[in-house]
Amino acid sequence: MKKASILIIIILLIDQISKMYIKTHFQLHESETVFSWFKIYFVENDGMAWGTKLSDILPFIGDRTAKLCLTTFRIFAILGIGYWLVNAIKKKHSKTLIFALIFIFSGALGNIIDSVFYGVIFNDSFGQVATFLPVDGGYDKALFGNVVDMLYFPMWQGNLPEWIPYLGGENFIFFEPVFNIADVAIAIGFGILLFFNNKAFPKKIL
Protein backbone atom coordinates (compact mmCIF):
# COMPACT_ATOMS: atom_id res chain seq x y z
CA MET A 1 0.00 0.00 0.00
CA LYS A 2 2.85 2.37 0.83
CA LYS A 3 4.55 1.84 -2.53
CA ALA A 4 1.22 2.27 -4.33
CA SER A 5 0.56 5.53 -2.48
CA ILE A 6 4.00 6.89 -3.38
CA LEU A 7 3.52 6.11 -7.08
CA ILE A 8 0.05 7.68 -7.05
CA ILE A 9 1.41 10.84 -5.43
CA ILE A 10 4.26 11.06 -7.97
CA ILE A 11 1.87 10.74 -10.94
CA LEU A 12 -0.53 13.28 -9.41
CA LEU A 13 2.27 15.76 -8.74
CA ILE A 14 3.59 15.53 -12.32
CA ASP A 15 0.06 15.92 -13.68
CA GLN A 16 -0.99 18.82 -11.47
CA ILE A 17 2.29 20.73 -11.66
CA SER A 18 2.21 20.55 -15.47
CA LYS A 19 -1.41 21.72 -15.56
CA MET A 20 -0.88 24.57 -13.11
CA TYR A 21 2.19 25.71 -15.03
CA ILE A 22 0.26 25.78 -18.30
CA LYS A 23 -2.72 27.50 -16.69
CA THR A 24 -0.54 30.25 -15.17
CA HIS A 25 1.82 30.76 -18.14
CA PHE A 26 -0.31 30.28 -21.27
CA GLN A 27 -3.43 31.92 -22.63
CA LEU A 28 -6.12 29.61 -23.95
CA HIS A 29 -5.14 28.20 -27.38
CA GLU A 30 -1.59 29.52 -27.06
CA SER A 31 1.05 27.06 -28.24
CA GLU A 32 4.78 26.51 -28.07
CA THR A 33 6.59 24.30 -30.59
CA VAL A 34 9.01 21.84 -29.00
CA PHE A 35 9.63 19.75 -32.14
CA SER A 36 7.88 19.82 -35.52
CA TRP A 37 5.86 16.82 -34.37
CA PHE A 38 5.30 17.91 -30.75
CA LYS A 39 3.74 21.08 -29.40
CA ILE A 40 2.60 22.40 -26.06
CA TYR A 41 -0.91 23.58 -26.94
CA PHE A 42 -3.18 24.85 -24.16
CA VAL A 43 -6.83 23.84 -24.47
CA GLU A 44 -9.53 23.19 -21.90
CA ASN A 45 -11.94 20.27 -22.04
CA ASP A 46 -15.32 20.66 -20.37
CA GLY A 47 -16.57 17.28 -21.56
CA MET A 48 -15.37 13.72 -21.96
CA ALA A 49 -12.70 12.30 -24.27
CA TRP A 50 -11.99 14.49 -27.33
CA GLY A 51 -14.29 17.18 -25.95
CA THR A 52 -17.46 15.12 -26.31
CA LYS A 53 -20.20 16.42 -24.02
CA LEU A 54 -22.96 14.41 -22.41
CA SER A 55 -25.38 16.98 -23.81
CA ASP A 56 -24.14 16.06 -27.32
CA ILE A 57 -25.25 12.48 -26.73
CA LEU A 58 -28.41 13.40 -24.78
CA PRO A 59 -29.57 16.69 -26.37
CA PHE A 60 -32.48 17.07 -23.93
CA ILE A 61 -29.96 17.71 -21.12
CA GLY A 62 -28.58 21.24 -20.71
CA ASP A 63 -24.82 21.83 -20.78
CA ARG A 64 -24.66 22.75 -17.08
CA THR A 65 -26.65 19.69 -16.03
CA ALA A 66 -24.53 17.49 -18.30
CA LYS A 67 -21.34 18.90 -16.78
CA LEU A 68 -22.57 18.28 -13.23
CA CYS A 69 -23.64 14.72 -14.11
CA LEU A 70 -20.28 14.00 -15.72
CA THR A 71 -18.29 15.28 -12.74
CA THR A 72 -20.51 13.36 -10.31
CA PHE A 73 -20.10 10.18 -12.36
CA ARG A 74 -16.33 10.65 -12.36
CA ILE A 75 -16.30 10.98 -8.58
CA PHE A 76 -18.25 7.74 -8.11
CA ALA A 77 -16.08 6.02 -10.72
CA ILE A 78 -12.87 7.00 -8.93
CA LEU A 79 -14.30 5.72 -5.65
CA GLY A 80 -15.02 2.40 -7.35
CA ILE A 81 -11.54 2.19 -8.87
CA GLY A 82 -10.00 3.13 -5.52
CA TYR A 83 -11.93 0.37 -3.76
CA TRP A 84 -10.85 -2.12 -6.42
CA LEU A 85 -7.21 -1.06 -6.00
CA VAL A 86 -7.23 -1.31 -2.20
CA ASN A 87 -8.98 -4.67 -2.36
CA ALA A 88 -6.48 -5.97 -4.94
CA ILE A 89 -3.58 -4.94 -2.70
CA LYS A 90 -5.10 -6.48 0.43
CA LYS A 91 -5.89 -9.75 -1.32
CA LYS A 92 -2.44 -9.78 -2.96
CA HIS A 93 -3.69 -9.97 -6.52
CA SER A 94 -1.20 -9.91 -9.37
CA LYS A 95 1.30 -7.05 -9.43
CA THR A 96 0.33 -6.42 -13.05
CA LEU A 97 -3.29 -5.71 -12.08
CA ILE A 98 -2.25 -3.51 -9.15
CA PHE A 99 0.20 -1.58 -11.33
CA ALA A 100 -2.49 -1.00 -13.97
CA LEU A 101 -5.03 0.15 -11.38
CA ILE A 102 -2.52 2.57 -9.86
CA PHE A 103 -2.10 4.30 -13.23
CA ILE A 104 -5.83 4.35 -13.98
CA PHE A 105 -6.69 5.63 -10.49
CA SER A 106 -3.99 8.32 -10.57
CA GLY A 107 -5.02 9.57 -14.02
CA ALA A 108 -8.72 9.61 -13.22
CA LEU A 109 -8.07 11.43 -9.94
CA GLY A 110 -5.86 13.97 -11.70
CA ASN A 111 -8.65 14.93 -14.12
CA ILE A 112 -11.24 14.95 -11.35
CA ILE A 113 -9.18 17.53 -9.45
CA ASP A 114 -9.49 19.80 -12.50
CA SER A 115 -13.24 19.27 -12.79
CA VAL A 116 -13.93 19.79 -9.09
CA PHE A 117 -11.53 22.60 -8.13
CA TYR A 118 -10.09 24.47 -11.13
CA GLY A 119 -13.21 26.55 -11.68
CA VAL A 120 -12.79 27.90 -8.14
CA ILE A 121 -9.02 28.34 -7.84
CA PHE A 122 -8.34 29.87 -11.29
CA ASN A 123 -9.92 32.65 -13.31
CA ASP A 124 -10.51 32.13 -17.02
CA SER A 125 -7.77 32.01 -19.67
CA PHE A 126 -9.56 33.84 -22.49
CA GLY A 127 -7.11 36.44 -23.78
CA GLN A 128 -5.15 36.37 -20.54
CA VAL A 129 -2.92 34.19 -18.39
CA ALA A 130 -4.97 32.83 -15.50
CA THR A 131 -4.24 33.69 -11.89
CA PHE A 132 -4.07 31.14 -9.09
CA LEU A 133 -6.57 32.00 -6.32
CA PRO A 134 -7.73 35.27 -7.94
CA VAL A 135 -9.10 37.99 -5.66
CA ASP A 136 -12.32 38.24 -7.69
CA GLY A 137 -12.90 34.48 -7.56
CA GLY A 138 -12.66 31.70 -10.11
CA TYR A 139 -14.29 31.28 -13.50
CA ASP A 140 -16.99 28.93 -12.18
CA LYS A 141 -18.30 27.01 -9.20
CA ALA A 142 -16.93 23.80 -7.69
CA LEU A 143 -17.69 20.72 -9.84
CA PHE A 144 -17.82 22.85 -13.00
CA GLY A 145 -14.11 23.20 -13.77
CA ASN A 146 -12.53 22.34 -17.12
CA VAL A 147 -9.77 19.78 -17.58
CA VAL A 148 -6.47 21.30 -18.74
CA ASP A 149 -4.87 19.64 -21.77
CA MET A 150 -1.55 20.56 -23.36
CA LEU A 151 0.23 17.64 -25.08
CA TYR A 152 -0.21 17.79 -28.84
CA PHE A 153 1.49 15.51 -31.39
CA PRO A 154 0.61 16.63 -34.95
CA MET A 155 2.97 14.08 -36.50
CA TRP A 156 1.51 14.41 -40.01
CA GLN A 157 -0.88 16.79 -41.73
CA GLY A 158 -2.08 16.78 -45.30
CA ASN A 159 -4.90 15.93 -47.69
CA LEU A 160 -5.93 12.30 -47.77
CA PRO A 161 -6.02 10.46 -51.14
CA GLU A 162 -9.33 10.76 -52.98
CA TRP A 163 -9.80 6.99 -53.07
CA ILE A 164 -10.27 6.71 -49.29
CA PRO A 165 -14.02 6.32 -48.56
CA TYR A 166 -15.75 9.24 -46.80
CA LEU A 167 -12.48 11.02 -45.87
CA GLY A 168 -10.84 11.20 -49.30
CA GLY A 169 -9.58 14.67 -50.14
CA GLU A 170 -10.09 15.95 -46.60
CA ASN A 171 -7.34 17.61 -44.60
CA PHE A 172 -6.19 15.18 -41.90
CA ILE A 173 -3.96 15.54 -38.85
CA PHE A 174 -2.30 12.57 -37.16
CA PHE A 175 -2.33 12.65 -34.12
CA GLU A 176 -4.96 15.38 -33.53
CA PRO A 177 -6.24 14.94 -29.93
CA VAL A 178 -4.71 17.16 -27.22
CA PHE A 179 -4.27 15.42 -23.87
CA ASN A 180 -2.48 15.61 -20.51
CA ILE A 181 -0.35 13.50 -18.15
CA ALA A 182 -3.44 12.12 -16.43
CA ASP A 183 -4.74 10.85 -19.79
CA VAL A 184 -1.35 9.22 -20.43
CA ALA A 185 -1.54 7.45 -17.06
CA ILE A 186 -5.05 6.17 -17.81
CA ALA A 187 -3.95 4.97 -21.26
CA ILE A 188 -0.94 3.16 -19.74
CA GLY A 189 -3.20 1.47 -17.18
CA PHE A 190 -5.68 0.25 -19.77
CA GLY A 191 -2.83 -0.74 -22.08
CA ILE A 192 -1.38 -2.96 -19.35
CA LEU A 193 -4.78 -4.60 -18.81
CA LEU A 194 -5.22 -5.10 -22.55
CA PHE A 195 -1.79 -6.44 -23.50
CA PHE A 196 -0.98 -8.27 -20.26
CA ASN A 197 -4.45 -9.54 -19.52
CA ASN A 198 -3.29 -13.05 -18.66
CA LYS A 199 -0.85 -11.73 -16.09
CA ALA A 200 -3.34 -9.23 -14.67
CA PHE A 201 -6.02 -11.88 -14.29
CA PRO A 202 -4.18 -15.21 -14.00
CA LYS A 203 -6.37 -18.29 -14.25
CA LYS A 204 -6.45 -20.40 -11.13
CA ILE A 205 -5.38 -23.99 -11.61
CA LEU A 206 -7.96 -26.37 -10.14
C-alpha atoms as a PDB file:
ATOM      1  CA  MET A   1       0.000   0.000   0.000  1.00  0.00           C
ATOM      2  CA  LYS A   2       2.847   2.375   0.834  1.00  0.00           C
ATOM      3  CA  LYS A   3       4.549   1.838  -2.528  1.00  0.00           C
ATOM      4  CA  ALA A   4       1.222   2.273  -4.334  1.00  0.00           C
ATOM      5  CA  SER A   5       0.561   5.532  -2.478  1.00  0.00           C
ATOM      6  CA  ILE A   6       4.004   6.891  -3.376  1.00  0.00           C
ATOM      7  CA  LEU A   7       3.521   6.111  -7.080  1.00  0.00           C
ATOM      8  CA  ILE A   8       0.045   7.682  -7.051  1.00  0.00           C
ATOM      9  CA  ILE A   9       1.412  10.844  -5.431  1.00  0.00           C
ATOM     10  CA  ILE A  10       4.258  11.056  -7.971  1.00  0.00           C
ATOM     11  CA  ILE A  11       1.869  10.742 -10.942  1.00  0.00           C
ATOM     12  CA  LEU A  12      -0.533  13.280  -9.412  1.00  0.00           C
ATOM     13  CA  LEU A  13       2.270  15.762  -8.745  1.00  0.00           C
ATOM     14  CA  ILE A  14       3.592  15.534 -12.318  1.00  0.00           C
ATOM     15  CA  ASP A  15       0.064  15.917 -13.678  1.00  0.00           C
ATOM     16  CA  GLN A  16      -0.988  18.816 -11.468  1.00  0.00           C
ATOM     17  CA  ILE A  17       2.293  20.727 -11.663  1.00  0.00           C
ATOM     18  CA  SER A  18       2.208  20.546 -15.467  1.00  0.00           C
ATOM     19  CA  LYS A  19      -1.414  21.720 -15.564  1.00  0.00           C
ATOM     20  CA  MET A  20      -0.883  24.567 -13.110  1.00  0.00           C
ATOM     21  CA  TYR A  21       2.192  25.709 -15.025  1.00  0.00           C
ATOM     22  CA  ILE A  22       0.263  25.777 -18.303  1.00  0.00           C
ATOM     23  CA  LYS A  23      -2.718  27.498 -16.691  1.00  0.00           C
ATOM     24  CA  THR A  24      -0.542  30.248 -15.169  1.00  0.00           C
ATOM     25  CA  HIS A  25       1.823  30.756 -18.142  1.00  0.00           C
ATOM     26  CA  PHE A  26      -0.314  30.284 -21.272  1.00  0.00           C
ATOM     27  CA  GLN A  27      -3.428  31.921 -22.633  1.00  0.00           C
ATOM     28  CA  LEU A  28      -6.124  29.606 -23.952  1.00  0.00           C
ATOM     29  CA  HIS A  29      -5.137  28.202 -27.384  1.00  0.00           C
ATOM     30  CA  GLU A  30      -1.592  29.523 -27.060  1.00  0.00           C
ATOM     31  CA  SER A  31       1.050  27.061 -28.237  1.00  0.00           C
ATOM     32  CA  GLU A  32       4.784  26.506 -28.072  1.00  0.00           C
ATOM     33  CA  THR A  33       6.591  24.300 -30.589  1.00  0.00           C
ATOM     34  CA  VAL A  34       9.013  21.839 -29.003  1.00  0.00           C
ATOM     35  CA  PHE A  35       9.629  19.753 -32.143  1.00  0.00           C
ATOM     36  CA  SER A  36       7.877  19.822 -35.524  1.00  0.00           C
ATOM     37  CA  TRP A  37       5.861  16.817 -34.370  1.00  0.00           C
ATOM     38  CA  PHE A  38       5.301  17.907 -30.751  1.00  0.00           C
ATOM     39  CA  LYS A  39       3.745  21.083 -29.402  1.00  0.00           C
ATOM     40  CA  ILE A  40       2.596  22.402 -26.062  1.00  0.00           C
ATOM     41  CA  TYR A  41      -0.907  23.581 -26.941  1.00  0.00           C
ATOM     42  CA  PHE A  42      -3.179  24.847 -24.158  1.00  0.00           C
ATOM     43  CA  VAL A  43      -6.826  23.835 -24.469  1.00  0.00           C
ATOM     44  CA  GLU A  44      -9.534  23.191 -21.902  1.00  0.00           C
ATOM     45  CA  ASN A  45     -11.945  20.271 -22.043  1.00  0.00           C
ATOM     46  CA  ASP A  46     -15.324  20.661 -20.366  1.00  0.00           C
ATOM     47  CA  GLY A  47     -16.565  17.278 -21.559  1.00  0.00           C
ATOM     48  CA  MET A  48     -15.369  13.717 -21.965  1.00  0.00           C
ATOM     49  CA  ALA A  49     -12.696  12.304 -24.272  1.00  0.00           C
ATOM     50  CA  TRP A  50     -11.986  14.488 -27.333  1.00  0.00           C
ATOM     51  CA  GLY A  51     -14.286  17.181 -25.948  1.00  0.00           C
ATOM     52  CA  THR A  52     -17.461  15.121 -26.306  1.00  0.00           C
ATOM     53  CA  LYS A  53     -20.196  16.424 -24.017  1.00  0.00           C
ATOM     54  CA  LEU A  54     -22.956  14.405 -22.410  1.00  0.00           C
ATOM     55  CA  SER A  55     -25.376  16.982 -23.814  1.00  0.00           C
ATOM     56  CA  ASP A  56     -24.141  16.061 -27.322  1.00  0.00           C
ATOM     57  CA  ILE A  57     -25.250  12.476 -26.726  1.00  0.00           C
ATOM     58  CA  LEU A  58     -28.411  13.401 -24.784  1.00  0.00           C
ATOM     59  CA  PRO A  59     -29.573  16.688 -26.370  1.00  0.00           C
ATOM     60  CA  PHE A  60     -32.479  17.068 -23.934  1.00  0.00           C
ATOM     61  CA  ILE A  61     -29.962  17.712 -21.119  1.00  0.00           C
ATOM     62  CA  GLY A  62     -28.580  21.238 -20.715  1.00  0.00           C
ATOM     63  CA  ASP A  63     -24.823  21.830 -20.785  1.00  0.00           C
ATOM     64  CA  ARG A  64     -24.661  22.749 -17.081  1.00  0.00           C
ATOM     65  CA  THR A  65     -26.646  19.685 -16.029  1.00  0.00           C
ATOM     66  CA  ALA A  66     -24.528  17.487 -18.305  1.00  0.00           C
ATOM     67  CA  LYS A  67     -21.338  18.898 -16.783  1.00  0.00           C
ATOM     68  CA  LEU A  68     -22.570  18.279 -13.227  1.00  0.00           C
ATOM     69  CA  CYS A  69     -23.644  14.721 -14.110  1.00  0.00           C
ATOM     70  CA  LEU A  70     -20.276  14.001 -15.722  1.00  0.00           C
ATOM     71  CA  THR A  71     -18.287  15.276 -12.743  1.00  0.00           C
ATOM     72  CA  THR A  72     -20.513  13.363 -10.311  1.00  0.00           C
ATOM     73  CA  PHE A  73     -20.104  10.181 -12.355  1.00  0.00           C
ATOM     74  CA  ARG A  74     -16.325  10.647 -12.364  1.00  0.00           C
ATOM     75  CA  ILE A  75     -16.301  10.976  -8.581  1.00  0.00           C
ATOM     76  CA  PHE A  76     -18.254   7.740  -8.105  1.00  0.00           C
ATOM     77  CA  ALA A  77     -16.081   6.018 -10.718  1.00  0.00           C
ATOM     78  CA  ILE A  78     -12.870   6.996  -8.932  1.00  0.00           C
ATOM     79  CA  LEU A  79     -14.300   5.718  -5.649  1.00  0.00           C
ATOM     80  CA  GLY A  80     -15.020   2.397  -7.347  1.00  0.00           C
ATOM     81  CA  ILE A  81     -11.539   2.193  -8.867  1.00  0.00           C
ATOM     82  CA  GLY A  82      -9.997   3.129  -5.525  1.00  0.00           C
ATOM     83  CA  TYR A  83     -11.932   0.375  -3.764  1.00  0.00           C
ATOM     84  CA  TRP A  84     -10.849  -2.121  -6.420  1.00  0.00           C
ATOM     85  CA  LEU A  85      -7.210  -1.060  -6.002  1.00  0.00           C
ATOM     86  CA  VAL A  86      -7.229  -1.307  -2.199  1.00  0.00           C
ATOM     87  CA  ASN A  87      -8.984  -4.669  -2.365  1.00  0.00           C
ATOM     88  CA  ALA A  88      -6.475  -5.967  -4.942  1.00  0.00           C
ATOM     89  CA  ILE A  89      -3.575  -4.941  -2.698  1.00  0.00           C
ATOM     90  CA  LYS A  90      -5.104  -6.485   0.429  1.00  0.00           C
ATOM     91  CA  LYS A  91      -5.889  -9.755  -1.323  1.00  0.00           C
ATOM     92  CA  LYS A  92      -2.442  -9.778  -2.958  1.00  0.00           C
ATOM     93  CA  HIS A  93      -3.689  -9.975  -6.522  1.00  0.00           C
ATOM     94  CA  SER A  94      -1.199  -9.910  -9.374  1.00  0.00           C
ATOM     95  CA  LYS A  95       1.297  -7.046  -9.429  1.00  0.00           C
ATOM     96  CA  THR A  96       0.334  -6.421 -13.055  1.00  0.00           C
ATOM     97  CA  LEU A  97      -3.287  -5.712 -12.079  1.00  0.00           C
ATOM     98  CA  ILE A  98      -2.251  -3.514  -9.151  1.00  0.00           C
ATOM     99  CA  PHE A  99       0.204  -1.585 -11.330  1.00  0.00           C
ATOM    100  CA  ALA A 100      -2.487  -1.001 -13.966  1.00  0.00           C
ATOM    101  CA  LEU A 101      -5.034   0.148 -11.382  1.00  0.00           C
ATOM    102  CA  ILE A 102      -2.516   2.570  -9.863  1.00  0.00           C
ATOM    103  CA  PHE A 103      -2.102   4.302 -13.230  1.00  0.00           C
ATOM    104  CA  ILE A 104      -5.835   4.349 -13.977  1.00  0.00           C
ATOM    105  CA  PHE A 105      -6.689   5.635 -10.494  1.00  0.00           C
ATOM    106  CA  SER A 106      -3.986   8.324 -10.573  1.00  0.00           C
ATOM    107  CA  GLY A 107      -5.016   9.569 -14.017  1.00  0.00           C
ATOM    108  CA  ALA A 108      -8.717   9.614 -13.220  1.00  0.00           C
ATOM    109  CA  LEU A 109      -8.071  11.427  -9.942  1.00  0.00           C
ATOM    110  CA  GLY A 110      -5.857  13.968 -11.697  1.00  0.00           C
ATOM    111  CA  ASN A 111      -8.645  14.931 -14.115  1.00  0.00           C
ATOM    112  CA  ILE A 112     -11.243  14.949 -11.350  1.00  0.00           C
ATOM    113  CA  ILE A 113      -9.177  17.533  -9.455  1.00  0.00           C
ATOM    114  CA  ASP A 114      -9.488  19.805 -12.498  1.00  0.00           C
ATOM    115  CA  SER A 115     -13.236  19.275 -12.786  1.00  0.00           C
ATOM    116  CA  VAL A 116     -13.932  19.787  -9.089  1.00  0.00           C
ATOM    117  CA  PHE A 117     -11.531  22.596  -8.129  1.00  0.00           C
ATOM    118  CA  TYR A 118     -10.092  24.465 -11.126  1.00  0.00           C
ATOM    119  CA  GLY A 119     -13.214  26.550 -11.679  1.00  0.00           C
ATOM    120  CA  VAL A 120     -12.795  27.902  -8.141  1.00  0.00           C
ATOM    121  CA  ILE A 121      -9.019  28.337  -7.841  1.00  0.00           C
ATOM    122  CA  PHE A 122      -8.343  29.875 -11.291  1.00  0.00           C
ATOM    123  CA  ASN A 123      -9.918  32.650 -13.312  1.00  0.00           C
ATOM    124  CA  ASP A 124     -10.514  32.125 -17.018  1.00  0.00           C
ATOM    125  CA  SER A 125      -7.774  32.005 -19.666  1.00  0.00           C
ATOM    126  CA  PHE A 126      -9.560  33.842 -22.489  1.00  0.00           C
ATOM    127  CA  GLY A 127      -7.112  36.444 -23.779  1.00  0.00           C
ATOM    128  CA  GLN A 128      -5.148  36.370 -20.539  1.00  0.00           C
ATOM    129  CA  VAL A 129      -2.917  34.189 -18.390  1.00  0.00           C
ATOM    130  CA  ALA A 130      -4.969  32.827 -15.501  1.00  0.00           C
ATOM    131  CA  THR A 131      -4.241  33.688 -11.887  1.00  0.00           C
ATOM    132  CA  PHE A 132      -4.074  31.138  -9.088  1.00  0.00           C
ATOM    133  CA  LEU A 133      -6.569  31.996  -6.322  1.00  0.00           C
ATOM    134  CA  PRO A 134      -7.729  35.267  -7.939  1.00  0.00           C
ATOM    135  CA  VAL A 135      -9.102  37.989  -5.660  1.00  0.00           C
ATOM    136  CA  ASP A 136     -12.320  38.236  -7.694  1.00  0.00           C
ATOM    137  CA  GLY A 137     -12.903  34.483  -7.563  1.00  0.00           C
ATOM    138  CA  GLY A 138     -12.659  31.704 -10.114  1.00  0.00           C
ATOM    139  CA  TYR A 139     -14.290  31.282 -13.498  1.00  0.00           C
ATOM    140  CA  ASP A 140     -16.991  28.932 -12.184  1.00  0.00           C
ATOM    141  CA  LYS A 141     -18.302  27.008  -9.205  1.00  0.00           C
ATOM    142  CA  ALA A 142     -16.935  23.798  -7.691  1.00  0.00           C
ATOM    143  CA  LEU A 143     -17.691  20.718  -9.836  1.00  0.00           C
ATOM    144  CA  PHE A 144     -17.818  22.850 -13.000  1.00  0.00           C
ATOM    145  CA  GLY A 145     -14.110  23.196 -13.767  1.00  0.00           C
ATOM    146  CA  ASN A 146     -12.535  22.341 -17.119  1.00  0.00           C
ATOM    147  CA  VAL A 147      -9.772  19.782 -17.577  1.00  0.00           C
ATOM    148  CA  VAL A 148      -6.474  21.305 -18.738  1.00  0.00           C
ATOM    149  CA  ASP A 149      -4.866  19.636 -21.772  1.00  0.00           C
ATOM    150  CA  MET A 150      -1.553  20.563 -23.357  1.00  0.00           C
ATOM    151  CA  LEU A 151       0.231  17.635 -25.076  1.00  0.00           C
ATOM    152  CA  TYR A 152      -0.214  17.794 -28.842  1.00  0.00           C
ATOM    153  CA  PHE A 153       1.486  15.512 -31.390  1.00  0.00           C
ATOM    154  CA  PRO A 154       0.614  16.626 -34.952  1.00  0.00           C
ATOM    155  CA  MET A 155       2.968  14.077 -36.503  1.00  0.00           C
ATOM    156  CA  TRP A 156       1.511  14.412 -40.014  1.00  0.00           C
ATOM    157  CA  GLN A 157      -0.876  16.790 -41.726  1.00  0.00           C
ATOM    158  CA  GLY A 158      -2.080  16.778 -45.300  1.00  0.00           C
ATOM    159  CA  ASN A 159      -4.902  15.932 -47.689  1.00  0.00           C
ATOM    160  CA  LEU A 160      -5.925  12.296 -47.773  1.00  0.00           C
ATOM    161  CA  PRO A 161      -6.021  10.456 -51.135  1.00  0.00           C
ATOM    162  CA  GLU A 162      -9.331  10.763 -52.977  1.00  0.00           C
ATOM    163  CA  TRP A 163      -9.795   6.987 -53.071  1.00  0.00           C
ATOM    164  CA  ILE A 164     -10.266   6.710 -49.288  1.00  0.00           C
ATOM    165  CA  PRO A 165     -14.023   6.321 -48.561  1.00  0.00           C
ATOM    166  CA  TYR A 166     -15.750   9.241 -46.798  1.00  0.00           C
ATOM    167  CA  LEU A 167     -12.475  11.015 -45.871  1.00  0.00           C
ATOM    168  CA  GLY A 168     -10.844  11.204 -49.296  1.00  0.00           C
ATOM    169  CA  GLY A 169      -9.578  14.672 -50.145  1.00  0.00           C
ATOM    170  CA  GLU A 170     -10.092  15.949 -46.603  1.00  0.00           C
ATOM    171  CA  ASN A 171      -7.339  17.607 -44.602  1.00  0.00           C
ATOM    172  CA  PHE A 172      -6.195  15.184 -41.899  1.00  0.00           C
ATOM    173  CA  ILE A 173      -3.960  15.536 -38.845  1.00  0.00           C
ATOM    174  CA  PHE A 174      -2.296  12.572 -37.158  1.00  0.00           C
ATOM    175  CA  PHE A 175      -2.327  12.645 -34.115  1.00  0.00           C
ATOM    176  CA  GLU A 176      -4.961  15.377 -33.531  1.00  0.00           C
ATOM    177  CA  PRO A 177      -6.242  14.939 -29.930  1.00  0.00           C
ATOM    178  CA  VAL A 178      -4.707  17.158 -27.222  1.00  0.00           C
ATOM    179  CA  PHE A 179      -4.271  15.421 -23.871  1.00  0.00           C
ATOM    180  CA  ASN A 180      -2.476  15.608 -20.507  1.00  0.00           C
ATOM    181  CA  ILE A 181      -0.349  13.502 -18.151  1.00  0.00           C
ATOM    182  CA  ALA A 182      -3.443  12.117 -16.428  1.00  0.00           C
ATOM    183  CA  ASP A 183      -4.737  10.851 -19.788  1.00  0.00           C
ATOM    184  CA  VAL A 184      -1.355   9.219 -20.433  1.00  0.00           C
ATOM    185  CA  ALA A 185      -1.544   7.446 -17.062  1.00  0.00           C
ATOM    186  CA  ILE A 186      -5.048   6.173 -17.812  1.00  0.00           C
ATOM    187  CA  ALA A 187      -3.948   4.966 -21.257  1.00  0.00           C
ATOM    188  CA  ILE A 188      -0.941   3.158 -19.739  1.00  0.00           C
ATOM    189  CA  GLY A 189      -3.196   1.466 -17.181  1.00  0.00           C
ATOM    190  CA  PHE A 190      -5.684   0.253 -19.771  1.00  0.00           C
ATOM    191  CA  GLY A 191      -2.826  -0.745 -22.080  1.00  0.00           C
ATOM    192  CA  ILE A 192      -1.385  -2.957 -19.348  1.00  0.00           C
ATOM    193  CA  LEU A 193      -4.776  -4.604 -18.812  1.00  0.00           C
ATOM    194  CA  LEU A 194      -5.219  -5.104 -22.553  1.00  0.00           C
ATOM    195  CA  PHE A 195      -1.785  -6.440 -23.502  1.00  0.00           C
ATOM    196  CA  PHE A 196      -0.979  -8.272 -20.263  1.00  0.00           C
ATOM    197  CA  ASN A 197      -4.455  -9.537 -19.517  1.00  0.00           C
ATOM    198  CA  ASN A 198      -3.291 -13.047 -18.661  1.00  0.00           C
ATOM    199  CA  LYS A 199      -0.847 -11.728 -16.090  1.00  0.00           C
ATOM    200  CA  ALA A 200      -3.344  -9.231 -14.672  1.00  0.00           C
ATOM    201  CA  PHE A 201      -6.021 -11.884 -14.294  1.00  0.00           C
ATOM    202  CA  PRO A 202      -4.184 -15.214 -14.004  1.00  0.00           C
ATOM    203  CA  LYS A 203      -6.372 -18.289 -14.246  1.00  0.00           C
ATOM    204  CA  LYS A 204      -6.451 -20.400 -11.130  1.00  0.00           C
ATOM    205  CA  ILE A 205      -5.377 -23.988 -11.611  1.00  0.00           C
ATOM    206  CA  LEU A 206      -7.959 -26.374 -10.144  1.00  0.00           C
END
